[in-house]
Structures are given as structure tokens and as C-alpha cells.
Amino acid sequence: MIQAPPGPAGFVQFVWGEMNTLVTGALLYIDQRLVARLLDERTGPVRLLVRDARRLPEQLRQHTEVIEGDPLDPQVLRQAAHGMDVA
């Protein structure tokens, strides 16, 4: 569970529960670090949309759902985003 940091007086604090997260471009360095952090913090299921799943590190493939396709293709993007809470 993720809790928002304390905010200024008068702002409502909120707590996020488990989220289904889609990460596109997970072959890039920054995205791989983001995915590792999401998995470490156990924020919920993580789905990756990549052009070439063979280039994805094995550790990420084992702990995520991987969809291979072109993120610029609307049909592929719709499939990847289905059921996700955040991307």
C-alpha cells in the first residue's frame, strides 16, 4: 500500500492500494529501473509492452506479464492497457 506524503494543511491525504501498472518501452534503462522498483515495492501486477521481448532481461520476464508489439499501433496499445489502472 502506498500512502501519500503529508501535504499542506487543508489538503486531503489519500492511500493508494494495489494498482495494475502498464510500462511501455521497458527495454530502456530508466524504464527497467522503474519496473524493478515497482516489483520491489509490490505495488501490484506489472505488465510490460515491448517491441522485442527477447531483449528483455530474464528477471523482468519472470515477474511481469509481457506483451510484445508496436506501442504506436492503437490495437496493440488497447490490448496492453486493458484492465490497467495506471500507465
Foldseek 3Di string as FASTA:
>chain_A
DAWDPDDDPPDDTDGDAAFEEEDEPCLDPVNVVVLVVCVVVVSYAYEYEYQDCVSDDPVSVVRHHYDHDDCVDVVSVCVRCVPGDYD
